[in-house]
Amino acid sequence: MNITGTDLILACSAIGAGLAVIAGIGPGIGQGIAAGYAANAVGRNPGAKGDIMSTMLLGQAVAETTGLYGLLVAMLLMFVKPLVP
């Protein structure tokens, strides 16, 4: 079995892309927790629904950027191969 430099670069790119996609797990868990706490807060104080929802959505949008950056890195590693001759 003869592994060339190109094969090693492609394998490392695939492994790196897989690890980058794992970055989507954190935002998913965080958004679920935020939605649960927001539902609990609205249940305790229905009058503040608008403030709670806007704050929750802003926080979820900020948290989602981490997952999107992970997806972007994974796509770059899989489809853009500048080191391969």
PDB file of N, CA and C in Angstrom:
ATOM      1  N   MET A   1       0.845  -1.173   0.000  1.00  0.00           N
ATOM      2  CA  MET A   1       0.000   0.000   0.000  1.00  0.00           C
ATOM      3  C   MET A   1       0.894   1.240   0.000  1.00  0.00           C
ATOM      4  N   ASN A   2       0.696   2.074  -0.997  1.00  0.00           N
ATOM      5  CA  ASN A   2       1.517   3.254  -1.155  1.00  0.00           C
ATOM      6  C   ASN A   2       0.633   4.489  -1.015  1.00  0.00           C
ATOM      7  N   ILE A   3       0.832   5.232   0.058  1.00  0.00           N
ATOM      8  CA  ILE A   3       0.041   6.438   0.299  1.00  0.00           C
ATOM      9  C   ILE A   3       0.854   7.638  -0.147  1.00  0.00           C
ATOM     10  N   THR A   4       0.305   8.379  -1.072  1.00  0.00           N
ATOM     11  CA  THR A   4       0.986   9.569  -1.577  1.00  0.00           C
ATOM     12  C   THR A   4       0.585  10.783  -0.741  1.00  0.00           C
ATOM     13  N   GLY A   5       1.277  11.870  -0.975  1.00  0.00           N
ATOM     14  CA  GLY A   5       0.952  13.105  -0.264  1.00  0.00           C
ATOM     15  C   GLY A   5      -0.449  13.603  -0.582  1.00  0.00           C
ATOM     16  N   THR A   6      -0.874  13.426  -1.821  1.00  0.00           N
ATOM     17  CA  THR A   6      -2.217  13.841  -2.223  1.00  0.00           C
ATOM     18  C   THR A   6      -3.280  13.040  -1.480  1.00  0.00           C
ATOM     19  N   ASP A   7      -3.060  11.744  -1.348  1.00  0.00           N
ATOM     20  CA  ASP A   7      -4.016  10.910  -0.621  1.00  0.00           C
ATOM     21  C   ASP A   7      -4.107  11.324   0.843  1.00  0.00           C
ATOM     22  N   LEU A   8      -2.980  11.643   1.436  1.00  0.00           N
ATOM     23  CA  LEU A   8      -2.964  12.061   2.836  1.00  0.00           C
ATOM     24  C   LEU A   8      -3.696  13.382   3.015  1.00  0.00           C
ATOM     25  N   ILE A   9      -3.503  14.310   2.099  1.00  0.00           N
ATOM     26  CA  ILE A   9      -4.198  15.599   2.180  1.00  0.00           C
ATOM     27  C   ILE A   9      -5.702  15.410   2.043  1.00  0.00           C
ATOM     28  N   LEU A  10      -6.132  14.578   1.106  1.00  0.00           N
ATOM     29  CA  LEU A  10      -7.568  14.333   0.931  1.00  0.00           C
ATOM     30  C   LEU A  10      -8.167  13.658   2.161  1.00  0.00           C
ATOM     31  N   ALA A  11      -7.453  12.705   2.747  1.00  0.00           N
ATOM     32  CA  ALA A  11      -7.956  12.018   3.941  1.00  0.00           C
ATOM     33  C   ALA A  11      -8.057  12.979   5.116  1.00  0.00           C
ATOM     34  N   CYS A  12      -7.053  13.811   5.295  1.00  0.00           N
ATOM     35  CA  CYS A  12      -7.085  14.777   6.400  1.00  0.00           C
ATOM     36  C   CYS A  12      -8.181  15.827   6.184  1.00  0.00           C
ATOM     37  N   SER A  13      -8.426  16.197   4.935  1.00  0.00           N
ATOM     38  CA  SER A  13      -9.516  17.135   4.645  1.00  0.00           C
ATOM     39  C   SER A  13     -10.863  16.528   5.001  1.00  0.00           C
ATOM     40  N   ALA A  14     -11.063  15.248   4.696  1.00  0.00           N
ATOM     41  CA  ALA A  14     -12.322  14.589   5.025  1.00  0.00           C
ATOM     42  C   ALA A  14     -12.494  14.457   6.532  1.00  0.00           C
ATOM     43  N   ILE A  15     -11.436  14.111   7.232  1.00  0.00           N
ATOM     44  CA  ILE A  15     -11.520  14.005   8.698  1.00  0.00           C
ATOM     45  C   ILE A  15     -11.787  15.373   9.318  1.00  0.00           C
ATOM     46  N   GLY A  16     -11.101  16.402   8.828  1.00  0.00           N
ATOM     47  CA  GLY A  16     -11.326  17.752   9.335  1.00  0.00           C
ATOM     48  C   GLY A  16     -12.738  18.244   9.076  1.00  0.00           C
ATOM     49  N   ALA A  17     -13.292  17.892   7.911  1.00  0.00           N
ATOM     50  CA  ALA A  17     -14.672  18.289   7.600  1.00  0.00           C
ATOM     51  C   ALA A  17     -15.648  17.602   8.552  1.00  0.00           C
ATOM     52  N   GLY A  18     -15.399  16.343   8.844  1.00  0.00           N
ATOM     53  CA  GLY A  18     -16.265  15.641   9.796  1.00  0.00           C
ATOM     54  C   GLY A  18     -16.200  16.251  11.174  1.00  0.00           C
ATOM     55  N   LEU A  19     -15.020  16.627  11.609  1.00  0.00           N
ATOM     56  CA  LEU A  19     -14.887  17.271  12.922  1.00  0.00           C
ATOM     57  C   LEU A  19     -15.534  18.654  12.937  1.00  0.00           C
ATOM     58  N   ALA A  20     -15.458  19.362  11.826  1.00  0.00           N
ATOM     59  CA  ALA A  20     -16.064  20.694  11.762  1.00  0.00           C
ATOM     60  C   ALA A  20     -17.585  20.619  11.832  1.00  0.00           C
ATOM     61  N   VAL A  21     -18.171  19.570  11.267  1.00  0.00           N
ATOM     62  CA  VAL A  21     -19.627  19.438  11.293  1.00  0.00           C
ATOM     63  C   VAL A  21     -20.113  19.147  12.713  1.00  0.00           C
ATOM     64  N   ILE A  22     -19.254  18.550  13.528  1.00  0.00           N
ATOM     65  CA  ILE A  22     -19.631  18.292  14.915  1.00  0.00           C
ATOM     66  C   ILE A  22     -19.922  19.602  15.655  1.00  0.00           C
ATOM     67  N   ALA A  23     -19.413  20.707  15.141  1.00  0.00           N
ATOM     68  CA  ALA A  23     -19.665  22.013  15.755  1.00  0.00           C
ATOM     69  C   ALA A  23     -21.152  22.372  15.738  1.00  0.00           C
ATOM     70  N   GLY A  24     -21.949  21.681  14.947  1.00  0.00           N
ATOM     71  CA  GLY A  24     -23.389  21.947  14.905  1.00  0.00           C
ATOM     72  C   GLY A  24     -24.154  21.371  16.080  1.00  0.00           C
ATOM     73  N   ILE A  25     -23.538  20.494  16.865  1.00  0.00           N
ATOM     74  CA  ILE A  25     -24.230  19.886  17.996  1.00  0.00           C
ATOM     75  C   ILE A  25     -24.454  20.907  19.109  1.00  0.00           C
ATOM     76  N   GLY A  26     -23.444  21.708  19.401  1.00  0.00           N
ATOM     77  CA  GLY A  26     -23.543  22.690  20.485  1.00  0.00           C
ATOM     78  C   GLY A  26     -24.667  23.701  20.289  1.00  0.00           C
ATOM     79  N   PRO A  27     -24.759  24.351  19.123  1.00  0.00           N
ATOM     80  CA  PRO A  27     -25.848  25.301  18.925  1.00  0.00           C
ATOM     81  C   PRO A  27     -27.230  24.649  18.995  1.00  0.00           C
ATOM     82  N   GLY A  28     -27.344  23.419  18.536  1.00  0.00           N
ATOM     83  CA  GLY A  28     -28.636  22.735  18.607  1.00  0.00           C
ATOM     84  C   GLY A  28     -29.082  22.519  20.046  1.00  0.00           C
ATOM     85  N   ILE A  29     -28.158  22.077  20.865  1.00  0.00           N
ATOM     86  CA  ILE A  29     -28.484  21.878  22.284  1.00  0.00           C
ATOM     87  C   ILE A  29     -28.779  23.211  22.954  1.00  0.00           C
ATOM     88  N   GLY A  30     -27.951  24.210  22.668  1.00  0.00           N
ATOM     89  CA  GLY A  30     -28.153  25.526  23.277  1.00  0.00           C
ATOM     90  C   GLY A  30     -29.470  26.169  22.881  1.00  0.00           C
ATOM     91  N   GLN A  31     -29.867  26.024  21.626  1.00  0.00           N
ATOM     92  CA  GLN A  31     -31.130  26.604  21.186  1.00  0.00           C
ATOM     93  C   GLN A  31     -32.309  25.883  21.811  1.00  0.00           C
ATOM     94  N   GLY A  32     -32.200  24.595  21.977  1.00  0.00           N
ATOM     95  CA  GLY A  32     -33.271  23.849  22.643  1.00  0.00           C
ATOM     96  C   GLY A  32     -33.434  24.270  24.090  1.00  0.00           C
ATOM     97  N   ILE A  33     -32.321  24.443  24.780  1.00  0.00           N
ATOM     98  CA  ILE A  33     -32.385  24.896  26.177  1.00  0.00           C
ATOM     99  C   ILE A  33     -32.970  26.301  26.252  1.00  0.00           C
ATOM    100  N   ALA A  34     -32.545  27.195  25.345  1.00  0.00           N
ATOM    101  CA  ALA A  34     -33.061  28.567  25.350  1.00  0.00           C
ATOM    102  C   ALA A  34     -34.563  28.591  25.083  1.00  0.00           C
ATOM    103  N   ALA A  35     -35.029  27.787  24.149  1.00  0.00           N
ATOM    104  CA  ALA A  35     -36.468  27.747  23.854  1.00  0.00           C
ATOM    105  C   ALA A  35     -37.241  27.196  25.048  1.00  0.00           C
ATOM    106  N   GLY A  36     -36.689  26.209  25.724  1.00  0.00           N
ATOM    107  CA  GLY A  36     -37.359  25.661  26.901  1.00  0.00           C
ATOM    108  C   GLY A  36     -37.479  26.678  28.012  1.00  0.00           C
ATOM    109  N   TYR A  37     -36.403  27.402  28.277  1.00  0.00           N
ATOM    110  CA  TYR A  37     -36.452  28.428  29.319  1.00  0.00           C
ATOM    111  C   TYR A  37     -37.384  29.575  28.922  1.00  0.00           C
ATOM    112  N   ALA A  38     -37.416  29.916  27.637  1.00  0.00           N
ATOM    113  CA  ALA A  38     -38.321  30.977  27.186  1.00  0.00           C
ATOM    114  C   ALA A  38     -39.771  30.548  27.347  1.00  0.00           C
ATOM    115  N   ALA A  39     -40.078  29.296  27.020  1.00  0.00           N
ATOM    116  CA  ALA A  39     -41.447  28.809  27.208  1.00  0.00           C
ATOM    117  C   ALA A  39     -41.818  28.814  28.681  1.00  0.00           C
ATOM    118  N   ASN A  40     -40.880  28.468  29.532  1.00  0.00           N
ATOM    119  CA  ASN A  40     -41.122  28.494  30.969  1.00  0.00           C
ATOM    120  C   ASN A  40     -41.363  29.924  31.450  1.00  0.00           C
ATOM    121  N   ALA A  41     -40.572  30.880  30.937  1.00  0.00           N
ATOM    122  CA  ALA A  41     -40.731  32.277  31.334  1.00  0.00           C
ATOM    123  C   ALA A  41     -42.060  32.847  30.861  1.00  0.00           C
ATOM    124  N   VAL A  42     -42.482  32.493  29.659  1.00  0.00           N
ATOM    125  CA  VAL A  42     -43.775  32.970  29.152  1.00  0.00           C
ATOM    126  C   VAL A  42     -44.906  32.360  29.968  1.00  0.00           C
ATOM    127  N   GLY A  43     -44.742  31.125  30.381  1.00  0.00           N
ATOM    128  CA  GLY A  43     -45.755  30.495  31.216  1.00  0.00           C
ATOM    129  C   GLY A  43     -45.899  31.183  32.566  1.00  0.00           C
ATOM    130  N   ARG A  44     -44.807  31.685  33.105  1.00  0.00           N
ATOM    131  CA  ARG A  44     -44.865  32.389  34.394  1.00  0.00           C
ATOM    132  C   ARG A  44     -45.330  33.826  34.244  1.00  0.00           C
ATOM    133  N   ASN A  45     -44.999  34.469  33.117  1.00  0.00           N
ATOM    134  CA  ASN A  45     -45.346  35.875  32.921  1.00  0.00           C
ATOM    135  C   ASN A  45     -45.793  36.095  31.476  1.00  0.00           C
ATOM    136  N   PRO A  46     -47.048  35.787  31.152  1.00  0.00           N
ATOM    137  CA  PRO A  46     -47.514  35.918  29.763  1.00  0.00           C
ATOM    138  C   PRO A  46     -47.481  37.348  29.223  1.00  0.00           C
ATOM    139  N   GLY A  47     -47.497  38.324  30.092  1.00  0.00           N
ATOM    140  CA  GLY A  47     -47.485  39.717  29.648  1.00  0.00           C
ATOM    141  C   GLY A  47     -46.165  40.130  29.016  1.00  0.00           C
ATOM    142  N   ALA A  48     -45.101  39.432  29.343  1.00  0.00           N
ATOM    143  CA  ALA A  48     -43.779  39.786  28.816  1.00  0.00           C
ATOM    144  C   ALA A  48     -43.385  38.906  27.627  1.00  0.00           C
ATOM    145  N   LYS A  49     -44.383  38.353  26.954  1.00  0.00           N
ATOM    146  CA  LYS A  49     -44.096  37.428  25.856  1.00  0.00           C
ATOM    147  C   LYS A  49     -43.260  38.063  24.752  1.00  0.00           C
ATOM    148  N   GLY A  50     -43.572  39.276  24.366  1.00  0.00           N
ATOM    149  CA  GLY A  50     -42.850  39.945  23.279  1.00  0.00           C
ATOM    150  C   GLY A  50     -41.381  40.158  23.613  1.00  0.00           C
ATOM    151  N   ASP A  51     -41.102  40.631  24.824  1.00  0.00           N
ATOM    152  CA  ASP A  51     -39.713  40.852  25.230  1.00  0.00           C
ATOM    153  C   ASP A  51     -38.944  39.541  25.323  1.00  0.00           C
ATOM    154  N   ILE A  52     -39.587  38.528  25.863  1.00  0.00           N
ATOM    155  CA  ILE A  52     -38.929  37.228  26.022  1.00  0.00           C
ATOM    156  C   ILE A  52     -38.633  36.620  24.657  1.00  0.00           C
ATOM    157  N   MET A  53     -39.590  36.680  23.757  1.00  0.00           N
ATOM    158  CA  MET A  53     -39.396  36.075  22.436  1.00  0.00           C
ATOM    159  C   MET A  53     -38.308  36.801  21.639  1.00  0.00           C
ATOM    160  N   SER A  54     -38.290  38.124  21.701  1.00  0.00           N
ATOM    161  CA  SER A  54     -37.275  38.852  20.931  1.00  0.00           C
ATOM    162  C   SER A  54     -35.874  38.580  21.478  1.00  0.00           C
ATOM    163  N   THR A  55     -35.749  38.526  22.797  1.00  0.00           N
ATOM    164  CA  THR A  55     -34.449  38.221  23.389  1.00  0.00           C
ATOM    165  C   THR A  55     -34.021  36.798  23.052  1.00  0.00           C
ATOM    166  N   MET A  56     -34.965  35.846  23.101  1.00  0.00           N
ATOM    167  CA  MET A  56     -34.642  34.458  22.788  1.00  0.00           C
ATOM    168  C   MET A  56     -34.209  34.314  21.334  1.00  0.00           C
ATOM    169  N   LEU A  57     -34.926  34.936  20.417  1.00  0.00           N
ATOM    170  CA  LEU A  57     -34.583  34.823  19.003  1.00  0.00           C
ATOM    171  C   LEU A  57     -33.240  35.463  18.688  1.00  0.00           C
ATOM    172  N   LEU A  58     -32.920  36.580  19.333  1.00  0.00           N
ATOM    173  CA  LEU A  58     -31.620  37.206  19.138  1.00  0.00           C
ATOM    174  C   LEU A  58     -30.506  36.292  19.648  1.00  0.00           C
ATOM    175  N   GLY A  59     -30.706  35.701  20.802  1.00  0.00           N
ATOM    176  CA  GLY A  59     -29.712  34.779  21.349  1.00  0.00           C
ATOM    177  C   GLY A  59     -29.539  33.544  20.487  1.00  0.00           C
ATOM    178  N   GLN A  60     -30.627  33.028  19.948  1.00  0.00           N
ATOM    179  CA  GLN A  60     -30.532  31.853  19.092  1.00  0.00           C
ATOM    180  C   GLN A  60     -29.839  32.183  17.772  1.00  0.00           C
ATOM    181  N   ALA A  61     -30.057  33.369  17.256  1.00  0.00           N
ATOM    182  CA  ALA A  61     -29.380  33.762  16.010  1.00  0.00           C
ATOM    183  C   ALA A  61     -27.873  33.864  16.230  1.00  0.00           C
ATOM    184  N   VAL A  62     -27.469  34.401  17.367  1.00  0.00           N
ATOM    185  CA  VAL A  62     -26.044  34.498  17.673  1.00  0.00           C
ATOM    186  C   VAL A  62     -25.449  33.108  17.867  1.00  0.00           C
ATOM    187  N   ALA A  63     -26.175  32.215  18.539  1.00  0.00           N
ATOM    188  CA  ALA A  63     -25.675  30.863  18.782  1.00  0.00           C
ATOM    189  C   ALA A  63     -25.577  30.071  17.484  1.00  0.00           C
ATOM    190  N   GLU A  64     -26.445  30.333  16.544  1.00  0.00           N
ATOM    191  CA  GLU A  64     -26.457  29.569  15.289  1.00  0.00           C
ATOM    192  C   GLU A  64     -25.242  29.865  14.424  1.00  0.00           C
ATOM    193  N   THR A  65     -24.630  31.032  14.601  1.00  0.00           N
ATOM    194  CA  THR A  65     -23.475  31.365  13.774  1.00  0.00           C
ATOM    195  C   THR A  65     -22.338  30.366  13.962  1.00  0.00           C
ATOM    196  N   THR A  66     -22.200  29.812  15.162  1.00  0.00           N
ATOM    197  CA  THR A  66     -21.155  28.817  15.389  1.00  0.00           C
ATOM    198  C   THR A  66     -21.365  27.595  14.505  1.00  0.00           C
ATOM    199  N   GLY A  67     -22.596  27.111  14.440  1.00  0.00           N
ATOM    200  CA  GLY A  67     -22.894  25.966  13.588  1.00  0.00           C
ATOM    201  C   GLY A  67     -22.699  26.267  12.115  1.00  0.00           C
ATOM    202  N   LEU A  68     -23.059  27.483  11.711  1.00  0.00           N
ATOM    203  CA  LEU A  68     -22.885  27.859  10.305  1.00  0.00           C
ATOM    204  C   LEU A  68     -21.407  27.983   9.947  1.00  0.00           C
ATOM    205  N   TYR A  69     -20.595  28.493  10.858  1.00  0.00           N
ATOM    206  CA  TYR A  69     -19.159  28.559  10.593  1.00  0.00           C
ATOM    207  C   TYR A  69     -18.578  27.152  10.470  1.00  0.00           C
ATOM    208  N   GLY A  70     -19.025  26.237  11.312  1.00  0.00           N
ATOM    209  CA  GLY A  70     -18.568  24.852  11.203  1.00  0.00           C
ATOM    210  C   GLY A  70     -18.947  24.238   9.873  1.00  0.00           C
ATOM    211  N   LEU A  71     -20.169  24.494   9.417  1.00  0.00           N
ATOM    212  CA  LEU A  71     -20.605  23.990   8.118  1.00  0.00           C
ATOM    213  C   LEU A  71     -19.791  24.612   6.982  1.00  0.00           C
ATOM    214  N   LEU A  72     -19.509  25.894   7.079  1.00  0.00           N
ATOM    215  CA  LEU A  72     -18.707  26.568   6.061  1.00  0.00           C
ATOM    216  C   LEU A  72     -17.299  25.979   5.995  1.00  0.00           C
ATOM    217  N   VAL A  73     -16.689  25.744   7.141  1.00  0.00           N
ATOM    218  CA  VAL A  73     -15.354  25.160   7.164  1.00  0.00           C
ATOM    219  C   VAL A  73     -15.380  23.762   6.557  1.00  0.00           C
ATOM    220  N   ALA A  74     -16.409  22.974   6.896  1.00  0.00           N
ATOM    221  CA  ALA A  74     -16.519  21.628   6.341  1.00  0.00           C
ATOM    222  C   ALA A  74     -16.654  21.665   4.819  1.00  0.00           C
ATOM    223  N   MET A  75     -17.465  22.563   4.308  1.00  0.00           N
ATOM    224  CA  MET A  75     -17.642  22.654   2.860  1.00  0.00           C
ATOM    225  C   MET A  75     -16.353  23.104   2.176  1.00  0.00           C
ATOM    226  N   LEU A  76     -15.633  24.030   2.801  1.00  0.00           N
ATOM    227  CA  LEU A  76     -14.366  24.460   2.224  1.00  0.00           C
ATOM    228  C   LEU A  76     -13.361  23.316   2.198  1.00  0.00           C
ATOM    229  N   LEU A  77     -13.316  22.537   3.268  1.00  0.00           N
ATOM    230  CA  LEU A  77     -12.377  21.419   3.306  1.00  0.00           C
ATOM    231  C   LEU A  77     -12.721  20.339   2.281  1.00  0.00           C
ATOM    232  N   MET A  78     -14.009  20.134   2.033  1.00  0.00           N
ATOM    233  CA  MET A  78     -14.401  19.068   1.114  1.00  0.00           C
ATOM    234  C   MET A  78     -14.294  19.481  -0.357  1.00  0.00           C
ATOM    235  N   PHE A  79     -14.611  20.730  -0.669  1.00  0.00           N
ATOM    236  CA  PHE A  79     -14.731  21.109  -2.069  1.00  0.00           C
ATOM    237  C   PHE A  79     -13.641  22.051  -2.586  1.00  0.00           C
ATOM    238  N   VAL A  80     -12.881  22.670  -1.707  1.00  0.00           N
ATOM    239  CA  VAL A  80     -11.793  23.557  -2.126  1.00  0.00           C
ATOM    240  C   VAL A  80     -10.502  22.914  -1.648  1.00  0.00           C
ATOM    241  N   LYS A  81      -9.708  22.454  -2.576  1.00  0.00           N
ATOM    242  CA  LYS A  81      -8.483  21.739  -2.228  1.00  0.00           C
ATOM    243  C   LYS A  81      -7.276  22.459  -2.833  1.00  0.00           C
ATOM    244  N   PRO A  82      -6.833  23.526  -2.179  1.00  0.00           N
ATOM    245  CA  PRO A  82      -5.713  24.298  -2.767  1.00  0.00           C
ATOM    246  C   PRO A  82      -4.371  23.566  -2.675  1.00  0.00           C
ATOM    247  N   LEU A  83      -4.225  22.602  -1.763  1.00  0.00           N
ATOM    248  CA  LEU A  83      -2.939  21.928  -1.597  1.00  0.00           C
ATOM    249  C   LEU A  83      -2.755  20.730  -2.519  1.00  0.00           C
ATOM    250  N   VAL A  84      -3.837  20.312  -3.168  1.00  0.00           N
ATOM    251  CA  VAL A  84      -3.744  19.154  -4.055  1.00  0.00           C
ATOM    252  C   VAL A  84      -3.212  19.615  -5.405  1.00  0.00           C
ATOM    253  N   PRO A  85      -2.126  19.013  -5.876  1.00  0.00           N
ATOM    254  CA  PRO A  85      -1.555  19.444  -7.168  1.00  0.00           C
ATOM    255  C   PRO A  85      -2.425  19.049  -8.349  1.00  0.00           C
TER     256      PRO A  85
END
